[in-house]
N, C-alpha and C. Protein backbone atom coordinates (compact mmCIF):
# COMPACT_ATOMS: atom_id res chain seq x y z
N MET A 1 -183.27 -162.46 293.80
CA MET A 1 -184.59 -163.32 293.76
C MET A 1 -185.27 -164.39 294.67
N ASP A 2 -185.13 -164.11 295.57
CA ASP A 2 -185.87 -164.94 296.48
C ASP A 2 -185.54 -166.66 296.29
N ASN A 3 -183.84 -167.19 295.70
CA ASN A 3 -183.64 -168.13 295.50
C ASN A 3 -183.50 -168.79 296.58
N ASN A 4 -183.58 -170.25 296.63
CA ASN A 4 -183.40 -171.56 298.18
C ASN A 4 -182.03 -172.36 297.75
N CYS A 5 -181.50 -172.40 298.10
CA CYS A 5 -180.22 -173.34 297.87
C CYS A 5 -180.36 -174.38 298.98
N PHE A 6 -179.74 -175.25 298.49
CA PHE A 6 -180.16 -176.83 300.02
C PHE A 6 -179.12 -177.12 299.68
N ALA A 7 -178.36 -177.80 301.67
CA ALA A 7 -177.35 -178.99 301.59
C ALA A 7 -177.71 -180.01 301.66
N VAL A 8 -177.52 -181.33 301.55
CA VAL A 8 -178.30 -182.82 301.96
C VAL A 8 -176.88 -182.87 302.82
N VAL A 9 -177.06 -183.48 303.61
CA VAL A 9 -175.56 -184.51 304.50
C VAL A 9 -176.09 -185.47 305.36
N ASP A 10 -175.07 -186.43 304.61
CA ASP A 10 -175.70 -187.92 305.13
C ASP A 10 -174.99 -187.57 306.47
N GLN A 11 -175.14 -188.44 307.58
CA GLN A 11 -175.33 -188.26 309.17
C GLN A 11 -173.53 -189.28 309.35
N ASP A 12 -173.74 -190.19 308.57
CA ASP A 12 -172.56 -191.09 309.34
C ASP A 12 -171.39 -190.71 308.72
N SER A 13 -171.00 -190.16 307.42
CA SER A 13 -169.93 -189.87 306.72
C SER A 13 -169.69 -188.41 306.41
N ARG A 14 -170.89 -187.44 306.92
CA ARG A 14 -170.49 -186.06 307.28
C ARG A 14 -170.01 -185.48 305.49
N GLU A 15 -170.26 -186.26 304.68
CA GLU A 15 -170.66 -185.61 303.16
C GLU A 15 -171.53 -185.25 302.65
N ALA A 16 -171.33 -184.19 302.14
CA ALA A 16 -172.25 -183.01 301.15
C ALA A 16 -172.56 -182.91 300.31
N ALA A 17 -173.51 -182.43 299.47
CA ALA A 17 -174.49 -182.10 298.54
C ALA A 17 -174.90 -180.67 298.86
N LEU A 18 -174.83 -180.03 298.04
CA LEU A 18 -175.38 -178.69 297.57
C LEU A 18 -175.92 -178.36 296.85
N ILE A 19 -177.06 -178.64 296.37
CA ILE A 19 -177.91 -177.83 295.65
C ILE A 19 -178.22 -176.82 295.09
N ASP A 20 -178.46 -175.96 293.36
CA ASP A 20 -178.43 -174.59 293.18
C ASP A 20 -177.23 -174.02 294.19
N PRO A 21 -176.71 -173.83 293.93
CA PRO A 21 -175.58 -172.10 295.09
C PRO A 21 -176.19 -171.00 294.19
N GLY A 22 -177.57 -171.04 294.12
CA GLY A 22 -177.87 -169.80 293.70
C GLY A 22 -176.65 -168.54 293.92
N PHE A 23 -177.65 -167.19 293.71
CA PHE A 23 -177.27 -165.62 294.91
C PHE A 23 -177.69 -165.97 296.29
N GLY A 24 -176.08 -165.78 296.52
CA GLY A 24 -176.07 -165.71 298.14
C GLY A 24 -176.04 -167.12 299.37
N ALA A 25 -175.39 -168.27 298.16
CA ALA A 25 -174.99 -168.99 298.19
C ALA A 25 -173.77 -169.34 299.43
N VAL A 26 -173.00 -168.64 298.87
CA VAL A 26 -171.68 -169.02 300.14
C VAL A 26 -171.64 -169.08 301.49
N PRO A 27 -172.45 -168.22 301.80
CA PRO A 27 -172.40 -167.90 303.06
C PRO A 27 -172.87 -169.03 304.09
N ILE A 28 -173.78 -169.79 303.18
CA ILE A 28 -174.22 -171.53 303.54
C ILE A 28 -173.62 -172.02 304.53
N LEU A 29 -172.14 -171.74 303.34
CA LEU A 29 -170.83 -172.91 303.36
C LEU A 29 -170.67 -173.17 305.31
N ASP A 30 -170.35 -171.72 305.12
CA ASP A 30 -169.94 -170.94 306.90
C ASP A 30 -171.40 -171.40 308.10
N ASP A 31 -172.38 -172.08 307.35
CA ASP A 31 -173.47 -172.58 308.53
C ASP A 31 -173.35 -174.50 308.31
N LEU A 32 -172.55 -175.08 307.63
CA LEU A 32 -172.45 -176.28 307.86
C LEU A 32 -171.74 -176.50 308.75
N PRO A 33 -172.05 -177.49 309.92
CA PRO A 33 -170.73 -178.05 310.56
C PRO A 33 -169.63 -178.59 310.40
N ALA A 34 -168.70 -177.67 311.56
CA ALA A 34 -166.75 -177.82 310.62
C ALA A 34 -166.89 -179.35 310.09
N ASP A 35 -167.10 -180.42 310.59
CA ASP A 35 -166.62 -181.73 309.78
C ASP A 35 -167.64 -181.75 308.96
N THR A 36 -168.17 -180.73 308.21
CA THR A 36 -168.84 -181.03 306.73
C THR A 36 -167.85 -181.61 305.37
N LYS A 37 -167.95 -182.14 304.31
CA LYS A 37 -167.23 -182.47 303.70
C LYS A 37 -168.20 -182.25 302.79
N VAL A 38 -168.01 -180.91 301.79
CA VAL A 38 -169.42 -180.86 300.18
C VAL A 38 -168.43 -180.68 299.21
N ARG A 39 -169.05 -182.58 298.52
CA ARG A 39 -168.35 -183.37 297.62
C ARG A 39 -169.02 -183.22 296.37
N LEU A 40 -170.07 -182.79 296.58
CA LEU A 40 -171.22 -182.41 294.73
C LEU A 40 -171.38 -181.44 295.09
N ILE A 41 -171.90 -180.44 293.80
CA ILE A 41 -172.85 -179.33 293.58
C ILE A 41 -173.65 -179.93 292.70
N LEU A 42 -175.13 -180.14 292.68
CA LEU A 42 -175.85 -180.93 292.02
C LEU A 42 -176.95 -179.15 291.34
N LEU A 43 -177.35 -179.88 290.19
CA LEU A 43 -178.37 -178.83 289.41
C LEU A 43 -179.43 -178.26 289.11
N THR A 44 -180.42 -178.52 289.71
CA THR A 44 -182.08 -178.25 288.88
C THR A 44 -182.15 -178.21 288.34
N HIS A 45 -181.57 -177.68 287.33
CA HIS A 45 -181.46 -177.19 286.07
C HIS A 45 -180.42 -175.96 286.44
N GLY A 46 -180.38 -175.09 285.02
CA GLY A 46 -179.00 -174.02 284.36
C GLY A 46 -179.76 -172.70 284.53
N HIS A 47 -180.35 -172.29 284.85
CA HIS A 47 -181.12 -171.01 284.80
C HIS A 47 -179.75 -170.13 285.42
N PHE A 48 -179.67 -168.85 285.43
CA PHE A 48 -178.13 -168.17 286.67
C PHE A 48 -179.32 -167.78 287.84
N ASP A 49 -180.39 -167.69 288.12
CA ASP A 49 -180.27 -167.19 289.57
C ASP A 49 -179.96 -168.67 290.13
N HIS A 50 -179.83 -169.88 289.62
CA HIS A 50 -179.86 -170.72 290.57
C HIS A 50 -178.47 -171.12 290.16
N VAL A 51 -177.27 -170.44 289.66
CA VAL A 51 -176.15 -171.19 289.89
C VAL A 51 -174.63 -170.01 289.76
N ALA A 52 -175.56 -168.70 289.84
CA ALA A 52 -175.08 -167.62 289.88
C ALA A 52 -173.71 -167.54 291.02
N ASP A 53 -173.72 -168.37 292.21
CA ASP A 53 -172.34 -168.40 293.23
C ASP A 53 -171.49 -170.11 292.86
N LEU A 54 -172.46 -170.45 291.85
CA LEU A 54 -171.80 -171.55 291.40
C LEU A 54 -170.15 -171.57 291.08
N ALA A 55 -169.72 -170.38 290.55
CA ALA A 55 -167.41 -170.44 290.57
C ALA A 55 -167.50 -171.02 291.84
N GLN A 56 -167.50 -169.52 292.41
CA GLN A 56 -167.34 -169.26 294.08
C GLN A 56 -167.62 -170.82 294.88
N VAL A 57 -168.01 -171.48 294.59
CA VAL A 57 -168.65 -172.54 295.65
C VAL A 57 -168.02 -173.78 295.48
N ALA A 58 -167.39 -173.40 294.15
CA ALA A 58 -166.58 -174.88 293.50
C ALA A 58 -166.01 -174.26 293.67
N GLU A 59 -165.02 -173.19 293.36
CA GLU A 59 -163.53 -172.50 294.03
C GLU A 59 -163.41 -173.23 296.17
N THR A 60 -164.26 -173.26 296.14
CA THR A 60 -164.29 -172.92 297.84
C THR A 60 -164.09 -174.50 298.39
N THR A 61 -165.13 -175.04 297.95
CA THR A 61 -165.51 -176.59 297.81
C THR A 61 -164.64 -177.55 297.08
N GLY A 62 -164.08 -177.64 296.12
CA GLY A 62 -163.55 -178.48 295.59
C GLY A 62 -164.07 -179.65 295.18
N ALA A 63 -166.00 -179.12 295.43
CA ALA A 63 -166.89 -180.36 294.92
C ALA A 63 -166.97 -179.89 293.03
N ARG A 64 -167.53 -182.09 293.02
CA ARG A 64 -167.74 -181.48 291.46
C ARG A 64 -169.07 -181.11 291.80
N ILE A 65 -169.27 -181.21 289.94
CA ILE A 65 -170.49 -180.44 289.14
C ILE A 65 -171.35 -181.23 288.47
N GLY A 66 -172.68 -181.45 288.97
CA GLY A 66 -173.74 -182.26 288.32
C GLY A 66 -174.81 -181.15 287.37
N ILE A 67 -174.56 -182.07 286.19
CA ILE A 67 -176.34 -181.32 285.77
C ILE A 67 -176.96 -182.11 284.16
N HIS A 68 -177.97 -181.82 284.58
CA HIS A 68 -178.38 -182.95 283.07
C HIS A 68 -178.46 -182.29 281.73
N LYS A 69 -177.19 -183.06 281.08
CA LYS A 69 -177.21 -182.71 279.57
C LYS A 69 -177.93 -181.48 278.64
N ALA A 70 -179.13 -181.89 278.59
CA ALA A 70 -179.78 -180.29 278.18
C ALA A 70 -179.88 -179.72 279.08
N ASP A 71 -179.23 -179.32 279.65
CA ASP A 71 -179.23 -177.91 280.62
C ASP A 71 -177.79 -177.67 280.74
N SER A 72 -176.94 -178.16 279.70
CA SER A 72 -175.25 -177.46 279.33
C SER A 72 -175.45 -176.52 278.66
N GLN A 73 -175.50 -175.63 277.83
CA GLN A 73 -175.31 -174.85 277.16
C GLN A 73 -176.47 -173.96 278.03
N LEU A 74 -177.48 -174.22 278.99
CA LEU A 74 -178.18 -172.79 280.17
C LEU A 74 -177.29 -172.51 280.85
N LEU A 75 -176.51 -173.05 281.36
CA LEU A 75 -174.99 -173.15 281.90
C LEU A 75 -174.07 -172.65 281.83
N SER A 76 -173.91 -172.21 280.50
CA SER A 76 -172.94 -172.23 279.84
C SER A 76 -173.53 -170.14 279.27
N GLN A 77 -174.09 -170.46 279.39
CA GLN A 77 -174.95 -169.19 279.46
C GLN A 77 -175.49 -167.97 280.08
N ALA A 78 -174.90 -168.70 281.74
CA ALA A 78 -175.58 -168.31 282.48
C ALA A 78 -175.59 -166.23 282.39
N PRO A 79 -173.72 -166.04 282.37
CA PRO A 79 -173.69 -164.39 282.64
C PRO A 79 -174.98 -163.35 281.67
N GLN A 80 -175.01 -163.88 280.52
CA GLN A 80 -176.26 -163.44 279.51
C GLN A 80 -177.23 -163.60 279.71
N PHE A 81 -177.58 -164.21 279.77
CA PHE A 81 -179.52 -164.29 280.46
C PHE A 81 -179.15 -163.33 282.02
N ALA A 82 -178.46 -163.32 283.06
CA ALA A 82 -178.59 -162.29 284.13
C ALA A 82 -178.37 -161.40 283.47
N GLU A 83 -177.71 -160.57 282.55
CA GLU A 83 -177.78 -158.78 281.81
C GLU A 83 -178.97 -159.20 281.43
N MET A 84 -179.78 -159.72 281.21
CA MET A 84 -181.30 -159.40 280.83
C MET A 84 -181.65 -159.11 281.72
N PHE A 85 -181.89 -159.65 283.22
CA PHE A 85 -182.05 -159.14 284.28
C PHE A 85 -181.62 -158.21 284.45
N GLY A 86 -180.81 -157.65 284.10
CA GLY A 86 -180.05 -155.96 284.52
C GLY A 86 -179.65 -156.75 286.07
N LEU A 87 -178.67 -157.99 286.09
CA LEU A 87 -178.19 -158.80 286.99
C LEU A 87 -176.40 -159.22 286.34
N ARG A 88 -175.81 -159.35 287.36
CA ARG A 88 -174.75 -160.38 287.20
C ARG A 88 -174.16 -162.04 287.49
N CYS A 89 -173.57 -162.51 287.00
CA CYS A 89 -173.50 -163.47 287.14
C CYS A 89 -172.04 -164.12 286.57
N ASP A 90 -171.05 -164.93 287.50
CA ASP A 90 -169.92 -165.24 286.94
C ASP A 90 -169.82 -166.29 286.27
N PRO A 91 -169.10 -166.31 284.89
CA PRO A 91 -169.50 -167.04 284.55
C PRO A 91 -169.27 -168.67 285.43
N ALA A 92 -169.74 -169.45 284.57
CA ALA A 92 -169.65 -171.30 285.98
C ALA A 92 -169.25 -172.03 285.05
N PRO A 93 -168.16 -173.11 285.91
CA PRO A 93 -167.52 -173.61 285.51
C PRO A 93 -167.81 -174.92 284.91
N ASP A 94 -167.43 -175.45 284.09
CA ASP A 94 -168.02 -176.93 283.26
C ASP A 94 -168.42 -177.57 283.87
N PRO A 95 -169.36 -178.41 284.10
CA PRO A 95 -169.88 -179.33 284.49
C PRO A 95 -168.46 -180.34 285.10
N ASP A 96 -168.93 -181.57 285.19
CA ASP A 96 -167.65 -182.97 285.90
C ASP A 96 -168.13 -183.88 285.58
N PHE A 97 -169.73 -183.42 285.73
CA PHE A 97 -170.92 -184.86 284.83
C PHE A 97 -172.06 -185.39 285.18
N PHE A 98 -172.71 -185.64 283.77
CA PHE A 98 -174.07 -185.15 283.72
C PHE A 98 -174.74 -186.09 284.46
N LEU A 99 -176.35 -185.45 284.84
CA LEU A 99 -177.05 -186.73 286.01
C LEU A 99 -177.83 -187.63 284.86
N GLU A 100 -178.14 -188.54 285.27
CA GLU A 100 -178.72 -189.41 284.80
C GLU A 100 -179.82 -190.01 285.13
N PRO A 101 -180.75 -189.62 284.44
CA PRO A 101 -182.49 -189.93 285.17
C PRO A 101 -182.47 -191.21 285.91
N GLY A 102 -182.96 -191.64 286.90
CA GLY A 102 -183.82 -193.09 287.10
C GLY A 102 -182.03 -193.25 288.03
N SER A 103 -181.02 -192.43 288.13
CA SER A 103 -180.38 -193.24 289.18
C SER A 103 -180.32 -192.94 290.23
N ASP A 104 -179.46 -193.32 291.13
CA ASP A 104 -179.48 -192.72 292.52
C ASP A 104 -178.13 -192.13 292.58
N ILE A 105 -177.59 -190.83 292.95
CA ILE A 105 -176.16 -191.32 292.99
C ILE A 105 -175.68 -190.94 294.83
N GLU A 106 -174.84 -191.53 294.95
CA GLU A 106 -174.81 -191.91 296.63
C GLU A 106 -173.42 -190.24 297.31
N LEU A 107 -174.38 -190.19 298.13
CA LEU A 107 -173.50 -189.83 299.12
C LEU A 107 -173.48 -190.41 300.59
N GLY A 108 -172.54 -190.48 300.64
CA GLY A 108 -171.50 -191.79 301.87
C GLY A 108 -172.37 -192.69 302.01
N ARG A 109 -173.43 -193.56 303.02
CA ARG A 109 -174.38 -194.11 302.93
C ARG A 109 -175.89 -194.19 302.13
N SER A 110 -175.86 -192.30 302.26
CA SER A 110 -177.22 -191.74 301.41
C SER A 110 -177.50 -191.66 300.53
N ARG A 111 -179.10 -192.18 299.62
CA ARG A 111 -178.90 -192.25 298.52
C ARG A 111 -180.02 -190.46 297.74
N ILE A 112 -179.45 -190.03 297.33
CA ILE A 112 -180.20 -189.05 296.04
C ILE A 112 -181.12 -189.65 295.14
N GLY A 113 -181.79 -189.59 294.46
CA GLY A 113 -182.31 -190.23 293.09
C GLY A 113 -182.64 -188.93 292.75
N VAL A 114 -182.61 -189.24 291.13
CA VAL A 114 -182.31 -188.60 290.06
C VAL A 114 -183.82 -188.45 288.75
N ARG A 115 -185.03 -187.96 289.02
CA ARG A 115 -185.65 -187.51 288.28
C ARG A 115 -185.88 -186.53 287.18
N TYR A 116 -185.86 -187.06 285.92
CA TYR A 116 -186.16 -186.06 284.54
C TYR A 116 -187.84 -185.40 284.81
N ALA A 117 -187.67 -184.35 285.04
CA ALA A 117 -188.68 -183.37 284.63
C ALA A 117 -188.68 -181.84 284.06
N PRO A 118 -188.71 -182.30 282.14
CA PRO A 118 -188.32 -180.90 281.44
C PRO A 118 -189.82 -179.87 281.34
N GLY A 119 -189.80 -178.44 281.31
CA GLY A 119 -190.87 -177.91 281.24
C GLY A 119 -190.56 -176.82 281.12
N HIS A 120 -190.35 -176.15 282.70
CA HIS A 120 -189.29 -175.72 283.22
C HIS A 120 -188.03 -175.05 282.05
N SER A 121 -187.29 -176.05 281.79
CA SER A 121 -186.47 -175.69 280.89
C SER A 121 -186.09 -177.51 280.30
N GLN A 122 -185.28 -177.75 279.39
CA GLN A 122 -185.04 -179.24 278.89
C GLN A 122 -184.22 -180.02 279.18
N GLY A 123 -183.53 -179.43 280.80
CA GLY A 123 -182.67 -180.21 281.33
C GLY A 123 -183.44 -180.26 283.09
N SER A 124 -184.41 -179.74 282.97
CA SER A 124 -184.57 -179.70 284.62
C SER A 124 -184.92 -181.50 285.45
N VAL A 125 -184.65 -181.51 286.41
CA VAL A 125 -184.58 -182.42 287.06
C VAL A 125 -185.02 -182.57 288.75
N VAL A 126 -185.60 -183.44 289.12
CA VAL A 126 -186.00 -182.93 290.73
C VAL A 126 -185.29 -184.46 291.53
N PHE A 127 -184.60 -184.22 292.18
CA PHE A 127 -183.59 -184.71 294.15
C PHE A 127 -184.61 -185.19 294.24
N VAL A 128 -184.77 -186.76 294.67
CA VAL A 128 -185.49 -187.24 296.13
C VAL A 128 -184.49 -188.36 297.12
N THR A 129 -185.07 -187.67 298.22
CA THR A 129 -183.91 -188.20 299.29
C THR A 129 -185.26 -188.43 300.48
N GLU A 130 -185.11 -189.53 300.52
CA GLU A 130 -186.58 -190.66 302.13
C GLU A 130 -187.79 -189.86 302.12
N ASN A 131 -188.11 -188.34 302.30
CA ASN A 131 -188.95 -188.24 302.47
C ASN A 131 -189.13 -186.39 301.74
N VAL A 132 -188.03 -186.09 301.39
CA VAL A 132 -188.04 -184.74 300.70
C VAL A 132 -187.81 -184.83 299.20
N ALA A 133 -188.12 -183.58 298.53
CA ALA A 133 -188.30 -183.83 297.25
C ALA A 133 -188.36 -182.13 296.59
N ILE A 134 -186.62 -182.02 295.93
CA ILE A 134 -186.13 -180.92 295.50
C ILE A 134 -186.17 -180.45 293.70
N VAL A 135 -187.40 -180.29 294.19
CA VAL A 135 -187.82 -179.45 292.51
C VAL A 135 -187.60 -178.47 291.86
N GLY A 136 -186.27 -177.98 292.18
CA GLY A 136 -186.09 -176.57 291.43
C GLY A 136 -187.43 -175.21 291.57
N ASP A 137 -187.48 -175.20 289.43
CA ASP A 137 -188.52 -174.64 289.30
C ASP A 137 -189.50 -175.37 288.82
N CYS A 138 -189.61 -176.53 289.22
CA CYS A 138 -190.72 -177.41 289.03
C CYS A 138 -192.00 -177.35 289.17
N LEU A 139 -192.13 -176.75 290.94
CA LEU A 139 -193.21 -177.06 291.34
C LEU A 139 -193.68 -175.58 293.00
N PHE A 140 -193.87 -174.80 292.43
CA PHE A 140 -193.85 -173.99 294.30
C PHE A 140 -195.09 -174.26 294.79
N ALA A 141 -195.34 -173.88 296.16
CA ALA A 141 -196.45 -173.54 297.11
C ALA A 141 -197.84 -173.13 296.02
N GLY A 142 -198.46 -173.37 296.08
CA GLY A 142 -199.93 -172.09 294.94
C GLY A 142 -199.48 -172.21 293.85
N SER A 143 -198.11 -172.27 293.06
CA SER A 143 -197.90 -172.50 291.34
C SER A 143 -196.99 -173.63 291.48
N ILE A 144 -196.89 -172.74 289.52
CA ILE A 144 -195.56 -173.89 289.11
C ILE A 144 -194.61 -172.82 288.42
N GLY A 145 -193.56 -173.71 288.05
CA GLY A 145 -192.13 -172.94 287.13
C GLY A 145 -193.44 -172.09 285.77
N ARG A 146 -192.40 -171.25 285.65
CA ARG A 146 -192.39 -170.41 284.14
C ARG A 146 -191.46 -171.12 283.66
N THR A 147 -192.88 -171.29 281.99
CA THR A 147 -192.65 -171.47 280.72
C THR A 147 -192.27 -170.86 279.29
N ASP A 148 -191.53 -169.01 279.76
CA ASP A 148 -191.69 -168.69 278.79
C ASP A 148 -190.50 -168.43 278.76
N LEU A 149 -189.48 -168.68 278.92
CA LEU A 149 -187.77 -168.87 279.24
C LEU A 149 -187.68 -170.01 277.89
N PRO A 150 -186.64 -169.74 277.02
CA PRO A 150 -186.14 -170.53 276.09
C PRO A 150 -185.59 -171.98 276.57
N GLY A 151 -186.63 -173.37 275.81
CA GLY A 151 -187.08 -174.43 276.79
C GLY A 151 -188.00 -174.46 277.12
N GLY A 152 -188.29 -173.69 277.41
CA GLY A 152 -189.38 -174.09 278.37
C GLY A 152 -191.03 -174.65 278.07
N ASN A 153 -192.05 -175.24 278.70
CA ASN A 153 -192.59 -176.15 277.11
C ASN A 153 -194.15 -176.17 278.36
N HIS A 154 -195.45 -175.24 278.30
CA HIS A 154 -196.05 -175.45 279.65
C HIS A 154 -196.68 -176.87 279.78
N GLN A 155 -197.20 -177.83 278.69
CA GLN A 155 -197.92 -179.03 278.49
C GLN A 155 -196.47 -179.81 278.95
N GLN A 156 -195.85 -179.38 279.02
CA GLN A 156 -194.70 -181.01 279.10
C GLN A 156 -194.04 -180.25 281.15
N LEU A 157 -194.03 -179.95 281.43
CA LEU A 157 -193.75 -179.24 283.04
C LEU A 157 -194.95 -179.61 283.73
N LEU A 158 -196.19 -179.81 283.30
CA LEU A 158 -197.78 -180.02 283.74
C LEU A 158 -197.07 -182.17 283.81
N ASP A 159 -196.96 -182.56 282.77
CA ASP A 159 -196.62 -183.89 282.40
C ASP A 159 -195.58 -184.03 283.34
N SER A 160 -194.73 -183.45 283.37
CA SER A 160 -193.16 -183.32 284.67
C SER A 160 -194.02 -184.17 286.07
N ILE A 161 -194.42 -182.56 286.76
CA ILE A 161 -195.18 -182.84 287.91
C ILE A 161 -196.03 -183.75 288.13
N HIS A 162 -196.89 -184.31 287.21
CA HIS A 162 -198.21 -185.26 287.64
C HIS A 162 -197.07 -187.28 287.40
N ARG A 163 -195.82 -186.98 286.81
CA ARG A 163 -195.55 -188.25 286.54
C ARG A 163 -194.28 -188.29 287.25
N GLN A 164 -193.41 -187.30 287.98
CA GLN A 164 -192.73 -187.51 288.62
C GLN A 164 -192.35 -186.54 290.52
N ILE A 165 -193.23 -186.01 290.25
CA ILE A 165 -193.52 -185.00 291.70
C ILE A 165 -195.17 -185.71 292.54
N LEU A 166 -195.83 -185.71 291.54
CA LEU A 166 -197.10 -185.86 292.57
C LEU A 166 -197.42 -187.68 291.94
N ILE A 167 -196.84 -188.28 291.59
CA ILE A 167 -196.29 -190.00 292.58
C ILE A 167 -196.41 -190.16 293.72
N LEU A 168 -195.39 -189.21 294.34
CA LEU A 168 -194.77 -189.30 295.59
C LEU A 168 -195.00 -189.44 296.03
N PRO A 169 -195.89 -189.60 297.84
CA PRO A 169 -195.94 -190.27 298.58
C PRO A 169 -196.93 -189.11 299.18
N ASP A 170 -198.09 -187.78 299.45
CA ASP A 170 -198.66 -187.05 300.05
C ASP A 170 -198.06 -186.52 301.13
N GLU A 171 -196.93 -187.24 302.38
CA GLU A 171 -196.73 -186.63 303.84
C GLU A 171 -195.41 -185.71 302.33
N THR A 172 -194.64 -186.14 301.14
CA THR A 172 -193.17 -185.80 300.79
C THR A 172 -193.07 -184.58 301.33
N VAL A 173 -191.90 -183.78 301.57
CA VAL A 173 -192.04 -182.09 301.58
C VAL A 173 -191.33 -181.82 300.75
N VAL A 174 -191.84 -180.69 299.87
CA VAL A 174 -191.60 -180.08 298.45
C VAL A 174 -190.15 -179.38 298.85
N TRP A 175 -189.33 -179.37 298.40
CA TRP A 175 -188.24 -178.19 298.21
C TRP A 175 -187.67 -176.97 297.55
N PRO A 176 -188.91 -176.22 297.02
CA PRO A 176 -188.83 -175.74 295.55
C PRO A 176 -187.18 -174.80 295.52
N GLY A 177 -187.05 -174.02 294.09
CA GLY A 177 -186.05 -173.13 293.98
C GLY A 177 -186.37 -171.70 294.41
N HIS A 178 -187.77 -171.85 294.68
CA HIS A 178 -188.29 -169.88 295.17
C HIS A 178 -189.14 -170.64 296.14
N GLY A 179 -189.70 -169.42 297.32
CA GLY A 179 -190.47 -169.67 298.23
C GLY A 179 -190.80 -170.32 299.38
N PRO A 180 -191.28 -170.48 300.07
CA PRO A 180 -191.14 -171.47 300.93
C PRO A 180 -191.74 -173.28 300.54
N ASP A 181 -191.66 -174.33 301.35
CA ASP A 181 -191.60 -175.51 301.59
C ASP A 181 -193.31 -176.23 301.17
N THR A 182 -193.81 -176.99 300.33
CA THR A 182 -195.14 -177.68 300.51
C THR A 182 -195.05 -179.14 301.17
N THR A 183 -195.75 -179.66 301.22
CA THR A 183 -196.14 -181.23 300.62
C THR A 183 -196.54 -181.57 299.45
N VAL A 184 -196.44 -182.50 298.90
CA VAL A 184 -197.06 -183.05 297.58
C VAL A 184 -198.51 -183.06 297.97
N GLY A 185 -199.28 -183.96 299.06
CA GLY A 185 -200.13 -184.10 299.55
C GLY A 185 -201.18 -182.71 299.48
N HIS A 186 -200.87 -181.18 299.95
CA HIS A 186 -201.57 -180.02 299.53
C HIS A 186 -201.44 -179.79 297.97
N GLU A 187 -200.32 -179.68 297.38
CA GLU A 187 -200.13 -179.29 296.75
C GLU A 187 -201.22 -179.72 295.16
N ARG A 188 -201.37 -181.51 296.05
CA ARG A 188 -202.27 -182.27 295.12
C ARG A 188 -203.62 -182.00 294.79
N LEU A 189 -204.56 -181.31 295.86
CA LEU A 189 -205.37 -180.57 296.39
C LEU A 189 -205.65 -179.79 296.33
N THR A 190 -204.68 -178.30 296.21
CA THR A 190 -204.88 -176.60 296.39
C THR A 190 -204.18 -176.44 295.60
N ASN A 191 -203.48 -176.71 294.72
CA ASN A 191 -202.16 -176.23 293.57
C ASN A 191 -203.43 -175.17 292.31
N PRO A 192 -204.01 -174.77 292.19
CA PRO A 192 -204.60 -174.12 291.04
C PRO A 192 -203.82 -175.18 289.77
N TYR A 193 -203.02 -174.53 289.72
CA TYR A 193 -202.74 -175.22 287.79
C TYR A 193 -202.51 -177.02 287.83
N LEU A 194 -202.80 -177.70 288.87
CA LEU A 194 -202.98 -179.17 288.94
C LEU A 194 -204.42 -179.74 289.12
N VAL A 195 -205.11 -178.89 289.64
CA VAL A 195 -206.53 -179.39 290.30
C VAL A 195 -207.72 -179.49 289.15
């Protein structure tokens, strides 16, 4: 489903967080440097295309899984939702902890900020580290996330984008859940859903 999976690595400790291990995420583990230890698996939301390889990645790495509490039911229903799209997804393991909006996740000496951004789903979050925002399916290059799935709300999504993403500096790189990266400034000026 052309979904993106990201690895955030603290350069000093070599600890890593894998974000949204959807379809095809397992081979990413082989691409990480040998001294990298995946300590966390962080989920922007619980839709099946973002968690399809979660069970395999968790078993391989032993990493702790974090998701917003409001999407824990979506996570548990991932195989059923995948079937609705004619796809297969293994049952997801239970999360080890719930993400707390407004808090920072420690990864070695690095920090990953957690911002609550409902609208695509009720438990959608955005992760912010240095000059990068990992936005899941909230915002895409030239588009926004769909809101016609259970838990979606169009106005709520627009509010979340304005309050949690567009307040970041224009040069902030946006890594979406699908498709190419973009920047906050570019989307502020050109995204037809936001101008």
